[in-house]
Amino acid sequence: MQISGFIALLGSMVVSRFITERSFRELDPEQKLRLMDGFSSTRMYSMIPFFLLIAGFWLLMTQTDVDRQTVTAMYFVLLIIIVVLKTVFNQRKLRSLEMPAEYQRKYMVAQAVSLTGVAWFIFTLM
């Protein structure tokens, strides 16, 4: 069952990227520029919470006597919180940049596809 989770994760990432790229191509040059400028600092720093979470998980699993199931549960809860907060932040940013409603809708579909793959992957690990 774990292989289906891995396949779902990879597949959802590819489909999500495909949806996002196609919708990006439909924006006019000014909208593309606003989008790239609006998310430039976000792209630079968005991976930091994920790296910190992974480092904390590794540290707790290898350097402490904390129960592994507790650490794993905390990891997945924090991962879900980070992903939800990132999605909410990105939606607000898209609205503040005045992106077309159709682009915002397609962006949310891409996020939903990606999150579904992640959810299935997590489910298969449990």
Protein backbone atom coordinates (compact mmCIF):
# COMPACT_ATOMS: atom_id res chain seq x y z
CA MET A 1 0.00 0.00 0.00
CA GLN A 2 2.93 2.36 0.61
CA ILE A 3 3.89 2.27 -3.05
CA SER A 4 0.43 3.58 -3.98
CA GLY A 5 1.03 6.52 -1.63
CA PHE A 6 4.37 7.29 -3.25
CA ILE A 7 2.86 7.04 -6.74
CA ALA A 8 -0.06 9.27 -5.68
CA LEU A 9 2.36 11.81 -4.23
CA LEU A 10 4.48 11.98 -7.40
CA GLY A 11 1.45 11.94 -9.69
CA SER A 12 -0.32 14.70 -7.77
CA MET A 13 2.80 16.86 -7.86
CA VAL A 14 3.08 16.48 -11.65
CA VAL A 15 -0.62 17.14 -12.27
CA SER A 16 -0.58 20.12 -9.90
CA ARG A 17 2.44 21.60 -11.67
CA PHE A 18 0.80 21.04 -15.07
CA ILE A 19 -2.37 22.88 -13.97
CA THR A 20 -0.37 25.75 -12.50
CA GLU A 21 1.86 26.16 -15.55
CA ARG A 22 -1.07 26.12 -17.97
CA SER A 23 -2.95 28.74 -15.98
CA PHE A 24 0.21 30.86 -15.72
CA ARG A 25 0.49 30.91 -19.52
CA GLU A 26 -3.01 32.41 -19.72
CA LEU A 27 -1.99 35.52 -17.76
CA ASP A 28 -1.01 38.66 -19.60
CA PRO A 29 2.60 39.89 -19.26
CA GLU A 30 1.73 42.52 -16.62
CA GLN A 31 -0.08 39.94 -14.47
CA LYS A 32 2.84 37.51 -14.79
CA LEU A 33 5.25 40.20 -13.65
CA ARG A 34 3.04 41.12 -10.66
CA LEU A 35 2.77 37.46 -9.75
CA MET A 36 6.53 36.83 -9.96
CA ASP A 37 7.36 40.00 -8.01
CA GLY A 38 4.64 39.36 -5.44
CA PHE A 39 5.92 35.88 -4.61
CA SER A 40 9.68 36.49 -4.94
CA SER A 41 10.41 36.66 -1.21
CA THR A 42 7.93 33.88 -0.48
CA ARG A 43 9.73 31.51 -2.84
CA MET A 44 13.04 32.20 -1.13
CA TYR A 45 11.81 31.45 2.39
CA SER A 46 8.91 29.03 1.92
CA MET A 47 11.00 25.89 2.41
CA ILE A 48 12.45 26.96 5.77
CA PRO A 49 9.50 25.70 7.86
CA PHE A 50 9.63 22.33 6.08
CA PHE A 51 13.38 21.98 6.65
CA LEU A 52 12.99 22.92 10.32
CA LEU A 53 10.19 20.39 10.69
CA ILE A 54 12.27 17.63 9.10
CA ALA A 55 15.30 18.54 11.22
CA GLY A 56 13.19 18.54 14.38
CA PHE A 57 11.68 15.19 13.44
CA TRP A 58 15.11 13.68 12.81
CA LEU A 59 16.49 15.14 16.05
CA LEU A 60 13.61 13.84 18.16
CA MET A 61 13.70 10.41 16.51
CA THR A 62 17.46 9.88 16.77
CA GLN A 63 18.66 11.90 19.75
CA THR A 64 15.87 11.54 22.33
CA ASP A 65 13.82 8.84 24.00
CA VAL A 66 10.49 10.42 23.04
CA ASP A 67 7.96 7.82 21.88
CA ARG A 68 8.23 7.39 18.09
CA GLN A 69 4.47 7.31 17.56
CA THR A 70 4.11 10.60 19.44
CA VAL A 71 6.86 12.24 17.40
CA THR A 72 5.36 10.94 14.15
CA ALA A 73 1.88 12.17 15.10
CA MET A 74 3.26 15.60 16.06
CA TYR A 75 5.20 15.73 12.77
CA PHE A 76 2.14 15.07 10.63
CA VAL A 77 -0.06 17.48 12.59
CA LEU A 78 2.56 20.24 12.21
CA LEU A 79 3.02 19.38 8.53
CA ILE A 80 -0.72 19.73 7.91
CA ILE A 81 -0.79 23.04 9.78
CA ILE A 82 2.13 24.40 7.73
CA VAL A 83 0.53 23.33 4.44
CA VAL A 84 -2.86 24.84 5.36
CA LEU A 85 -1.27 28.12 6.49
CA LYS A 86 0.82 28.29 3.32
CA THR A 87 -2.28 27.70 1.17
CA VAL A 88 -4.26 30.41 3.00
CA PHE A 89 -1.34 32.83 2.73
CA ASN A 90 -0.96 32.16 -1.00
CA GLN A 91 -4.68 32.71 -1.65
CA ARG A 92 -4.61 36.02 0.20
CA LYS A 93 -1.52 37.03 -1.73
CA LEU A 94 -3.21 36.19 -5.05
CA ARG A 95 -6.20 38.35 -4.10
CA SER A 96 -3.98 41.25 -3.02
CA LEU A 97 -2.12 41.03 -6.35
CA GLU A 98 -5.51 41.20 -8.11
CA MET A 99 -5.01 38.03 -10.10
CA PRO A 100 -7.98 36.99 -12.25
CA ALA A 101 -10.61 34.86 -10.52
CA GLU A 102 -10.06 32.07 -13.07
CA TYR A 103 -6.34 31.92 -12.22
CA GLN A 104 -7.14 31.82 -8.50
CA ARG A 105 -9.62 28.99 -9.08
CA LYS A 106 -7.12 26.95 -11.10
CA TYR A 107 -4.45 27.62 -8.49
CA MET A 108 -6.76 26.24 -5.80
CA VAL A 109 -7.54 23.17 -7.93
CA ALA A 110 -3.80 22.58 -8.31
CA GLN A 111 -3.35 22.93 -4.54
CA ALA A 112 -6.23 20.52 -3.88
CA VAL A 113 -4.71 17.94 -6.25
CA SER A 114 -1.35 18.28 -4.53
CA LEU A 115 -2.83 18.05 -1.03
CA THR A 116 -4.84 14.98 -2.01
CA GLY A 117 -1.64 13.24 -3.08
CA VAL A 118 0.09 14.22 0.15
CA ALA A 119 -2.91 13.06 2.20
CA TRP A 120 -2.95 9.66 0.49
CA PHE A 121 0.81 9.33 0.97
CA ILE A 122 0.46 10.08 4.71
CA PHE A 123 -2.49 7.68 4.98
CA THR A 124 -0.46 4.84 3.46
CA LEU A 125 2.36 5.44 5.94
CA MET A 126 0.11 4.97 8.95
